[in-house]
């Protein structure tokens, strides 16, 4: 029974990741975080017998993926500002 549930969760995760091509970076990172969190949660749930870990892992993973995306966006914006500032101050 537990193997069937784990296989079903793995199949659902694989199918959900297959549709990532048209997603924004934010959506992809959030989805990836949720998938990784779910996988970890399923692993812990298999060990403990409490499958609520899968849902908790998905939630924590999605939140982490979103926060990582926000940080990446801030880094990219800072880089672009630096590039623009560097272009303006270079002598010709």
PDB file of N, CA and C in Angstrom:
ATOM      1  N   UNK A   1       0.821  -1.194   0.000  1.00  0.00           N
ATOM      2  CA  UNK A   1       0.000   0.000   0.000  1.00  0.00           C
ATOM      3  C   UNK A   1       0.864   1.256   0.000  1.00  0.00           C
ATOM      4  N   UNK A   2       1.863   1.316   0.862  1.00  0.00           N
ATOM      5  CA  UNK A   2       2.716   2.501   0.925  1.00  0.00           C
ATOM      6  C   UNK A   2       3.511   2.691  -0.358  1.00  0.00           C
ATOM      7  N   UNK A   3       3.926   1.609  -0.982  1.00  0.00           N
ATOM      8  CA  UNK A   3       4.671   1.715  -2.233  1.00  0.00           C
ATOM      9  C   UNK A   3       3.789   2.265  -3.344  1.00  0.00           C
ATOM     10  N   UNK A   4       2.534   1.870  -3.356  1.00  0.00           N
ATOM     11  CA  UNK A   4       1.614   2.383  -4.374  1.00  0.00           C
ATOM     12  C   UNK A   4       1.402   3.883  -4.192  1.00  0.00           C
ATOM     13  N   UNK A   5       1.269   4.313  -2.956  1.00  0.00           N
ATOM     14  CA  UNK A   5       1.078   5.741  -2.680  1.00  0.00           C
ATOM     15  C   UNK A   5       2.322   6.527  -3.086  1.00  0.00           C
ATOM     16  N   UNK A   6       3.490   6.026  -2.736  1.00  0.00           N
ATOM     17  CA  UNK A   6       4.729   6.711  -3.104  1.00  0.00           C
ATOM     18  C   UNK A   6       4.892   6.764  -4.615  1.00  0.00           C
ATOM     19  N   UNK A   7       4.538   5.682  -5.308  1.00  0.00           N
ATOM     20  CA  UNK A   7       4.625   5.666  -6.767  1.00  0.00           C
ATOM     21  C   UNK A   7       3.647   6.661  -7.383  1.00  0.00           C
ATOM     22  N   UNK A   8       2.462   6.761  -6.811  1.00  0.00           N
ATOM     23  CA  UNK A   8       1.463   7.709  -7.321  1.00  0.00           C
ATOM     24  C   UNK A   8       1.932   9.147  -7.127  1.00  0.00           C
ATOM     25  N   UNK A   9       2.518   9.437  -5.980  1.00  0.00           N
ATOM     26  CA  UNK A   9       3.030  10.787  -5.725  1.00  0.00           C
ATOM     27  C   UNK A   9       4.172  11.100  -6.683  1.00  0.00           C
ATOM     28  N   UNK A  10       5.065  10.145  -6.899  1.00  0.00           N
ATOM     29  CA  UNK A  10       6.181  10.356  -7.824  1.00  0.00           C
ATOM     30  C   UNK A  10       5.684  10.591  -9.245  1.00  0.00           C
ATOM     31  N   UNK A  11       4.687   9.827  -9.661  1.00  0.00           N
ATOM     32  CA  UNK A  11       4.130  10.001 -11.007  1.00  0.00           C
ATOM     33  C   UNK A  11       3.457  11.365 -11.146  1.00  0.00           C
ATOM     34  N   UNK A  12       2.733  11.786 -10.128  1.00  0.00           N
ATOM     35  CA  UNK A  12       2.078  13.091 -10.165  1.00  0.00           C
ATOM     36  C   UNK A  12       3.113  14.212 -10.231  1.00  0.00           C
ATOM     37  N   UNK A  13       4.192  14.071  -9.488  1.00  0.00           N
ATOM     38  CA  UNK A  13       5.249  15.087  -9.512  1.00  0.00           C
ATOM     39  C   UNK A  13       5.898  15.149 -10.893  1.00  0.00           C
ATOM     40  N   UNK A  14       6.155  13.988 -11.478  1.00  0.00           N
ATOM     41  CA  UNK A  14       6.772  13.960 -12.806  1.00  0.00           C
ATOM     42  C   UNK A  14       5.868  14.602 -13.853  1.00  0.00           C
ATOM     43  N   UNK A  15       4.589  14.328 -13.784  1.00  0.00           N
ATOM     44  CA  UNK A  15       3.652  14.920 -14.742  1.00  0.00           C
ATOM     45  C   UNK A  15       3.522  16.418 -14.554  1.00  0.00           C
ATOM     46  N   UNK A  16       3.548  16.879 -13.320  1.00  0.00           N
ATOM     47  CA  UNK A  16       3.401  18.314 -13.075  1.00  0.00           C
ATOM     48  C   UNK A  16       4.629  19.078 -13.543  1.00  0.00           C
ATOM     49  N   UNK A  17       5.797  18.489 -13.441  1.00  0.00           N
ATOM     50  CA  UNK A  17       7.017  19.157 -13.888  1.00  0.00           C
ATOM     51  C   UNK A  17       7.092  19.195 -15.408  1.00  0.00           C
ATOM     52  N   UNK A  18       6.446  18.263 -16.073  1.00  0.00           N
ATOM     53  CA  UNK A  18       6.489  18.200 -17.532  1.00  0.00           C
ATOM     54  C   UNK A  18       5.868  19.437 -18.181  1.00  0.00           C
ATOM     55  N   UNK A  19       5.001  20.143 -17.503  1.00  0.00           N
ATOM     56  CA  UNK A  19       4.341  21.313 -18.062  1.00  0.00           C
ATOM     57  C   UNK A  19       5.012  22.629 -17.728  1.00  0.00           C
ATOM     58  N   UNK A  20       6.272  22.628 -17.365  1.00  0.00           N
ATOM     59  CA  UNK A  20       6.960  23.838 -16.912  1.00  0.00           C
ATOM     60  C   UNK A  20       7.478  24.728 -18.038  1.00  0.00           C
ATOM     61  N   UNK A  21       7.379  24.307 -19.280  1.00  0.00           N
ATOM     62  CA  UNK A  21       8.009  25.041 -20.379  1.00  0.00           C
ATOM     63  C   UNK A  21       7.466  26.460 -20.537  1.00  0.00           C
ATOM     64  N   UNK A  22       6.184  26.682 -20.358  1.00  0.00           N
ATOM     65  CA  UNK A  22       5.610  28.003 -20.570  1.00  0.00           C
ATOM     66  C   UNK A  22       5.505  28.840 -19.311  1.00  0.00           C
ATOM     67  N   UNK A  23       6.166  28.431 -18.251  1.00  0.00           N
ATOM     68  CA  UNK A  23       6.046  29.146 -16.984  1.00  0.00           C
ATOM     69  C   UNK A  23       7.094  30.247 -16.861  1.00  0.00           C
ATOM     70  N   UNK A  24       6.779  31.239 -16.031  1.00  0.00           N
ATOM     71  CA  UNK A  24       7.757  32.284 -15.739  1.00  0.00           C
ATOM     72  C   UNK A  24       8.822  31.711 -14.798  1.00  0.00           C
ATOM     73  N   UNK A  25       9.900  32.458 -14.621  1.00  0.00           N
ATOM     74  CA  UNK A  25      10.944  32.011 -13.703  1.00  0.00           C
ATOM     75  C   UNK A  25      10.402  31.843 -12.286  1.00  0.00           C
ATOM     76  N   UNK A  26       9.555  32.767 -11.855  1.00  0.00           N
ATOM     77  CA  UNK A  26       8.970  32.679 -10.524  1.00  0.00           C
ATOM     78  C   UNK A  26       8.148  31.406 -10.373  1.00  0.00           C
ATOM     79  N   UNK A  27       7.324  31.123 -11.364  1.00  0.00           N
ATOM     80  CA  UNK A  27       6.496  29.919 -11.306  1.00  0.00           C
ATOM     81  C   UNK A  27       7.353  28.656 -11.326  1.00  0.00           C
ATOM     82  N   UNK A  28       8.394  28.645 -12.141  1.00  0.00           N
ATOM     83  CA  UNK A  28       9.258  27.474 -12.209  1.00  0.00           C
ATOM     84  C   UNK A  28       9.984  27.233 -10.894  1.00  0.00           C
ATOM     85  N   UNK A  29      10.505  28.290 -10.306  1.00  0.00           N
ATOM     86  CA  UNK A  29      11.237  28.127  -9.042  1.00  0.00           C
ATOM     87  C   UNK A  29      10.302  27.722  -7.913  1.00  0.00           C
ATOM     88  N   UNK A  30       9.102  28.282  -7.886  1.00  0.00           N
ATOM     89  CA  UNK A  30       8.139  27.902  -6.859  1.00  0.00           C
ATOM     90  C   UNK A  30       7.717  26.452  -7.026  1.00  0.00           C
ATOM     91  N   UNK A  31       7.467  26.043  -8.272  1.00  0.00           N
ATOM     92  CA  UNK A  31       7.082  24.656  -8.553  1.00  0.00           C
ATOM     93  C   UNK A  31       8.215  23.694  -8.215  1.00  0.00           C
ATOM     94  N   UNK A  32       9.430  24.055  -8.570  1.00  0.00           N
ATOM     95  CA  UNK A  32      10.574  23.195  -8.257  1.00  0.00           C
ATOM     96  C   UNK A  32      10.738  23.043  -6.756  1.00  0.00           C
ATOM     97  N   UNK A  33      10.596  24.139  -6.035  1.00  0.00           N
ATOM     98  CA  UNK A  33      10.682  24.081  -4.576  1.00  0.00           C
ATOM     99  C   UNK A  33       9.607  23.181  -3.986  1.00  0.00           C
ATOM    100  N   UNK A  34       8.391  23.301  -4.516  1.00  0.00           N
ATOM    101  CA  UNK A  34       7.291  22.460  -4.032  1.00  0.00           C
ATOM    102  C   UNK A  34       7.557  20.990  -4.330  1.00  0.00           C
ATOM    103  N   UNK A  35       8.080  20.701  -5.515  1.00  0.00           N
ATOM    104  CA  UNK A  35       8.372  19.315  -5.883  1.00  0.00           C
ATOM    105  C   UNK A  35       9.457  18.726  -4.996  1.00  0.00           C
ATOM    106  N   UNK A  36      10.510  19.491  -4.756  1.00  0.00           N
ATOM    107  CA  UNK A  36      11.587  19.012  -3.893  1.00  0.00           C
ATOM    108  C   UNK A  36      11.073  18.834  -2.469  1.00  0.00           C
ATOM    109  N   UNK A  37      10.296  19.798  -1.981  1.00  0.00           N
ATOM    110  CA  UNK A  37       9.727  19.689  -0.636  1.00  0.00           C
ATOM    111  C   UNK A  37       8.801  18.499  -0.499  1.00  0.00           C
ATOM    112  N   UNK A  38       8.013  18.245  -1.527  1.00  0.00           N
ATOM    113  CA  UNK A  38       7.119  17.088  -1.505  1.00  0.00           C
ATOM    114  C   UNK A  38       7.917  15.797  -1.468  1.00  0.00           C
ATOM    115  N   UNK A  39       8.969  15.728  -2.264  1.00  0.00           N
ATOM    116  CA  UNK A  39       9.800  14.518  -2.282  1.00  0.00           C
ATOM    117  C   UNK A  39      10.420  14.261  -0.913  1.00  0.00           C
ATOM    118  N   UNK A  40      10.919  15.309  -0.297  1.00  0.00           N
ATOM    119  CA  UNK A  40      11.492  15.156   1.041  1.00  0.00           C
ATOM    120  C   UNK A  40      10.403  14.753   2.037  1.00  0.00           C
ATOM    121  N   UNK A  41       9.242  15.392   1.932  1.00  0.00           N
ATOM    122  CA  UNK A  41       8.128  15.066   2.818  1.00  0.00           C
ATOM    123  C   UNK A  41       7.656  13.635   2.665  1.00  0.00           C
ATOM    124  N   UNK A  42       7.620  13.151   1.425  1.00  0.00           N
ATOM    125  CA  UNK A  42       7.229  11.761   1.177  1.00  0.00           C
ATOM    126  C   UNK A  42       8.266  10.820   1.790  1.00  0.00           C
ATOM    127  N   UNK A  43       9.533  11.185   1.666  1.00  0.00           N
ATOM    128  CA  UNK A  43      10.585  10.363   2.271  1.00  0.00           C
ATOM    129  C   UNK A  43      10.452  10.287   3.778  1.00  0.00           C
ATOM    130  N   UNK A  44      10.231  11.423   4.396  1.00  0.00           N
ATOM    131  CA  UNK A  44      10.047  11.442   5.851  1.00  0.00           C
ATOM    132  C   UNK A  44       8.764  10.706   6.223  1.00  0.00           C
ATOM    133  N   UNK A  45       7.710  10.914   5.429  1.00  0.00           N
ATOM    134  CA  UNK A  45       6.448  10.228   5.691  1.00  0.00           C
ATOM    135  C   UNK A  45       6.580   8.721   5.579  1.00  0.00           C
ATOM    136  N   UNK A  46       7.389   8.265   4.636  1.00  0.00           N
ATOM    137  CA  UNK A  46       7.597   6.824   4.501  1.00  0.00           C
ATOM    138  C   UNK A  46       8.304   6.255   5.719  1.00  0.00           C
ATOM    139  N   UNK A  47       9.205   7.032   6.280  1.00  0.00           N
ATOM    140  CA  UNK A  47       9.940   6.573   7.460  1.00  0.00           C
ATOM    141  C   UNK A  47       9.059   6.615   8.703  1.00  0.00           C
ATOM    142  N   UNK A  48       8.306   7.709   8.862  1.00  0.00           N
ATOM    143  CA  UNK A  48       7.516   7.886  10.082  1.00  0.00           C
ATOM    144  C   UNK A  48       6.113   7.304   9.989  1.00  0.00           C
ATOM    145  N   UNK A  49       5.623   7.099   8.777  1.00  0.00           N
ATOM    146  CA  UNK A  49       4.255   6.611   8.605  1.00  0.00           C
ATOM    147  C   UNK A  49       3.218   7.719   8.646  1.00  0.00           C
ATOM    148  N   UNK A  50       3.653   8.962   8.766  1.00  0.00           N
ATOM    149  CA  UNK A  50       2.745  10.115   8.812  1.00  0.00           C
ATOM    150  C   UNK A  50       2.861  10.874   7.497  1.00  0.00           C
ATOM    151  N   UNK A  51       1.863  10.756   6.619  1.00  0.00           N
ATOM    152  CA  UNK A  51       1.933  11.321   5.285  1.00  0.00           C
ATOM    153  C   UNK A  51       1.662  12.820   5.247  1.00  0.00           C
ATOM    154  N   UNK A  52       1.345  13.415   6.383  1.00  0.00           N
ATOM    155  CA  UNK A  52       1.176  14.869   6.423  1.00  0.00           C
ATOM    156  C   UNK A  52       2.498  15.579   6.133  1.00  0.00           C
ATOM    157  N   UNK A  53       3.604  14.871   6.296  1.00  0.00           N
ATOM    158  CA  UNK A  53       4.905  15.450   5.981  1.00  0.00           C
ATOM    159  C   UNK A  53       4.990  15.860   4.511  1.00  0.00           C
ATOM    160  N   UNK A  54       4.322  15.129   3.647  1.00  0.00           N
ATOM    161  CA  UNK A  54       4.357  15.458   2.211  1.00  0.00           C
ATOM    162  C   UNK A  54       3.729  16.827   1.967  1.00  0.00           C
ATOM    163  N   UNK A  55       2.593  17.084   2.577  1.00  0.00           N
ATOM    164  CA  UNK A  55       1.931  18.381   2.411  1.00  0.00           C
ATOM    165  C   UNK A  55       2.761  19.497   3.030  1.00  0.00           C
ATOM    166  N   UNK A  56       3.308  19.233   4.202  1.00  0.00           N
ATOM    167  CA  UNK A  56       4.171  20.231   4.847  1.00  0.00           C
ATOM    168  C   UNK A  56       5.407  20.514   4.023  1.00  0.00           C
ATOM    169  N   UNK A  57       5.997  19.461   3.482  1.00  0.00           N
ATOM    170  CA  UNK A  57       7.179  19.644   2.641  1.00  0.00           C
ATOM    171  C   UNK A  57       6.865  20.439   1.396  1.00  0.00           C
ATOM    172  N   UNK A  58       5.702  20.187   0.800  1.00  0.00           N
ATOM    173  CA  UNK A  58       5.296  20.933  -0.395  1.00  0.00           C
ATOM    174  C   UNK A  58       5.133  22.419  -0.073  1.00  0.00           C
ATOM    175  N   UNK A  59       4.504  22.706   1.050  1.00  0.00           N
ATOM    176  CA  UNK A  59       4.284  24.104   1.428  1.00  0.00           C
ATOM    177  C   UNK A  59       5.605  24.818   1.713  1.00  0.00           C
ATOM    178  N   UNK A  60       6.464  24.180   2.489  1.00  0.00           N
ATOM    179  CA  UNK A  60       7.757  24.790   2.813  1.00  0.00           C
ATOM    180  C   UNK A  60       8.611  24.924   1.550  1.00  0.00           C
ATOM    181  N   UNK A  61       8.591  23.906   0.701  1.00  0.00           N
ATOM    182  CA  UNK A  61       9.363  23.959  -0.536  1.00  0.00           C
ATOM    183  C   UNK A  61       8.884  25.054  -1.466  1.00  0.00           C
ATOM    184  N   UNK A  62       7.572  25.208  -1.606  1.00  0.00           N
ATOM    185  CA  UNK A  62       7.027  26.258  -2.471  1.00  0.00           C
ATOM    186  C   UNK A  62       7.404  27.640  -1.939  1.00  0.00           C
ATOM    187  N   UNK A  63       7.288  27.829  -0.632  1.00  0.00           N
ATOM    188  CA  UNK A  63       7.658  29.116  -0.039  1.00  0.00           C
ATOM    189  C   UNK A  63       9.143  29.394  -0.235  1.00  0.00           C
ATOM    190  N   UNK A  64       9.970  28.383  -0.058  1.00  0.00           N
ATOM    191  CA  UNK A  64      11.404  28.553  -0.244  1.00  0.00           C
ATOM    192  C   UNK A  64      11.728  28.864  -1.706  1.00  0.00           C
ATOM    193  N   UNK A  65      11.098  28.157  -2.627  1.00  0.00           N
ATOM    194  CA  UNK A  65      11.309  28.426  -4.053  1.00  0.00           C
ATOM    195  C   UNK A  65      10.928  29.849  -4.412  1.00  0.00           C
ATOM    196  N   UNK A  66       9.825  30.333  -3.867  1.00  0.00           N
ATOM    197  CA  UNK A  66       9.380  31.700  -4.139  1.00  0.00           C
ATOM    198  C   UNK A  66      10.378  32.709  -3.577  1.00  0.00           C
ATOM    199  N   UNK A  67      10.838  32.486  -2.351  1.00  0.00           N
ATOM    200  CA  UNK A  67      11.792  33.412  -1.739  1.00  0.00           C
ATOM    201  C   UNK A  67      13.128  33.416  -2.485  1.00  0.00           C
ATOM    202  N   UNK A  68      13.564  32.260  -2.940  1.00  0.00           N
ATOM    203  CA  UNK A  68      14.791  32.185  -3.739  1.00  0.00           C
ATOM    204  C   UNK A  68      14.606  32.988  -5.029  1.00  0.00           C
ATOM    205  N   UNK A  69      13.438  32.867  -5.651  1.00  0.00           N
ATOM    206  CA  UNK A  69      13.172  33.625  -6.869  1.00  0.00           C
ATOM    207  C   UNK A  69      13.221  35.123  -6.608  1.00  0.00           C
ATOM    208  N   UNK A  70      12.632  35.567  -5.516  1.00  0.00           N
ATOM    209  CA  UNK A  70      12.642  36.993  -5.206  1.00  0.00           C
ATOM    210  C   UNK A  70      14.068  37.496  -5.008  1.00  0.00           C
ATOM    211  N   UNK A  71      14.908  36.690  -4.354  1.00  0.00           N
ATOM    212  CA  UNK A  71      16.306  37.070  -4.159  1.00  0.00           C
ATOM    213  C   UNK A  71      17.044  37.129  -5.495  1.00  0.00           C
ATOM    214  N   UNK A  72      16.796  36.155  -6.359  1.00  0.00           N
ATOM    215  CA  UNK A  72      17.437  36.154  -7.685  1.00  0.00           C
ATOM    216  C   UNK A  72      17.033  37.394  -8.473  1.00  0.00           C
ATOM    217  N   UNK A  73      15.763  37.781  -8.379  1.00  0.00           N
ATOM    218  CA  UNK A  73      15.309  38.974  -9.091  1.00  0.00           C
ATOM    219  C   UNK A  73      15.991  40.230  -8.557  1.00  0.00           C
ATOM    220  N   UNK A  74      16.142  40.324  -7.228  1.00  0.00           N
ATOM    221  CA  UNK A  74      16.831  41.480  -6.642  1.00  0.00           C
ATOM    222  C   UNK A  74      18.295  41.524  -7.093  1.00  0.00           C
ATOM    223  N   UNK A  75      18.945  40.358  -7.135  1.00  0.00           N
ATOM    224  CA  UNK A  75      20.336  40.306  -7.587  1.00  0.00           C
ATOM    225  C   UNK A  75      20.451  40.752  -9.043  1.00  0.00           C
ATOM    226  N   UNK A  76      19.537  40.292  -9.877  1.00  0.00           N
ATOM    227  CA  UNK A  76      19.564  40.661 -11.291  1.00  0.00           C
ATOM    228  C   UNK A  76      19.328  42.163 -11.466  1.00  0.00           C
ATOM    229  N   UNK A  77      18.391  42.725 -10.700  1.00  0.00           N
ATOM    230  CA  UNK A  77      18.133  44.165 -10.787  1.00  0.00           C
ATOM    231  C   UNK A  77      19.356  44.960 -10.352  1.00  0.00           C
ATOM    232  N   UNK A  78      20.020  44.525  -9.273  1.00  0.00           N
ATOM    233  CA  UNK A  78      21.222  45.213  -8.803  1.00  0.00           C
ATOM    234  C   UNK A  78      22.336  45.121  -9.844  1.00  0.00           C
ATOM    235  N   UNK A  79      22.468  43.966 -10.471  1.00  0.00           N
ATOM    236  CA  UNK A  79      23.475  43.791 -11.520  1.00  0.00           C
ATOM    237  C   UNK A  79      23.198  44.737 -12.683  1.00  0.00           C
ATOM    238  N   UNK A  80      21.940  44.796 -13.110  1.00  0.00           N
ATOM    239  CA  UNK A  80      21.587  45.674 -14.232  1.00  0.00           C
ATOM    240  C   UNK A  80      21.827  47.143 -13.885  1.00  0.00           C
ATOM    241  N   UNK A  81      21.522  47.538 -12.643  1.00  0.00           N
ATOM    242  CA  UNK A  81      21.803  48.919 -12.225  1.00  0.00           C
ATOM    243  C   UNK A  81      23.303  49.191 -12.271  1.00  0.00           C
ATOM    244  N   UNK A  82      24.100  48.204 -11.832  1.00  0.00           N
ATOM    245  CA  UNK A  82      25.552  48.359 -11.873  1.00  0.00           C
ATOM    246  C   UNK A  82      26.068  48.471 -13.289  1.00  0.00           C
ATOM    247  N   UNK A  83      25.512  47.683 -14.190  1.00  0.00           N
ATOM    248  CA  UNK A  83      25.918  47.746 -15.597  1.00  0.00           C
ATOM    249  C   UNK A  83      25.584  49.124 -16.160  1.00  0.00           C
ATOM    250  N   UNK A  84      24.388  49.602 -15.880  1.00  0.00           N
ATOM    251  CA  UNK A  84      23.981  50.906 -16.396  1.00  0.00           C
ATOM    252  C   UNK A  84      24.845  52.014 -15.809  1.00  0.00           C
ATOM    253  N   UNK A  85      25.148  51.940 -14.524  1.00  0.00           N
ATOM    254  CA  UNK A  85      25.995  52.951 -13.897  1.00  0.00           C
ATOM    255  C   UNK A  85      27.401  52.905 -14.474  1.00  0.00           C
ATOM    256  N   UNK A  86      27.906  51.707 -14.698  1.00  0.00           N
ATOM    257  CA  UNK A  86      29.241  51.563 -15.279  1.00  0.00           C
ATOM    258  C   UNK A  86      29.318  52.115 -16.692  1.00  0.00           C
ATOM    259  N   UNK A  87      28.279  51.934 -17.457  1.00  0.00           N
ATOM    260  CA  UNK A  87      28.264  52.455 -18.821  1.00  0.00           C
ATOM    261  C   UNK A  87      28.238  53.972 -18.822  1.00  0.00           C
ATOM    262  N   UNK A  88      27.554  54.569 -17.864  1.00  0.00           N
ATOM    263  CA  UNK A  88      27.433  56.016 -17.825  1.00  0.00           C
ATOM    264  C   UNK A  88      28.717  56.686 -17.363  1.00  0.00           C
ATOM    265  N   UNK A  89      29.523  56.019 -16.551  1.00  0.00           N
ATOM    266  CA  UNK A  89      30.710  56.664 -15.992  1.00  0.00           C
ATOM    267  C   UNK A  89      31.991  56.337 -16.742  1.00  0.00           C
ATOM    268  N   UNK A  90      31.946  55.449 -17.741  1.00  0.00           N
ATOM    269  CA  UNK A  90      33.163  55.111 -18.481  1.00  0.00           C
ATOM    270  C   UNK A  90      33.547  56.258 -19.418  1.00  0.00           C
ATOM    271  N   UNK A  91      34.839  56.591 -19.442  1.00  0.00           N
ATOM    272  CA  UNK A  91      35.274  57.653 -20.381  1.00  0.00           C
ATOM    273  C   UNK A  91      35.211  57.156 -21.817  1.00  0.00           C
ATOM    274  N   UNK A  92      34.960  58.053 -22.721  1.00  0.00           N
ATOM    275  CA  UNK A  92      34.874  57.685 -24.139  1.00  0.00           C
ATOM    276  C   UNK A  92      36.128  58.030 -24.840  1.00  0.00           C
TER     277      UNK A  92
END
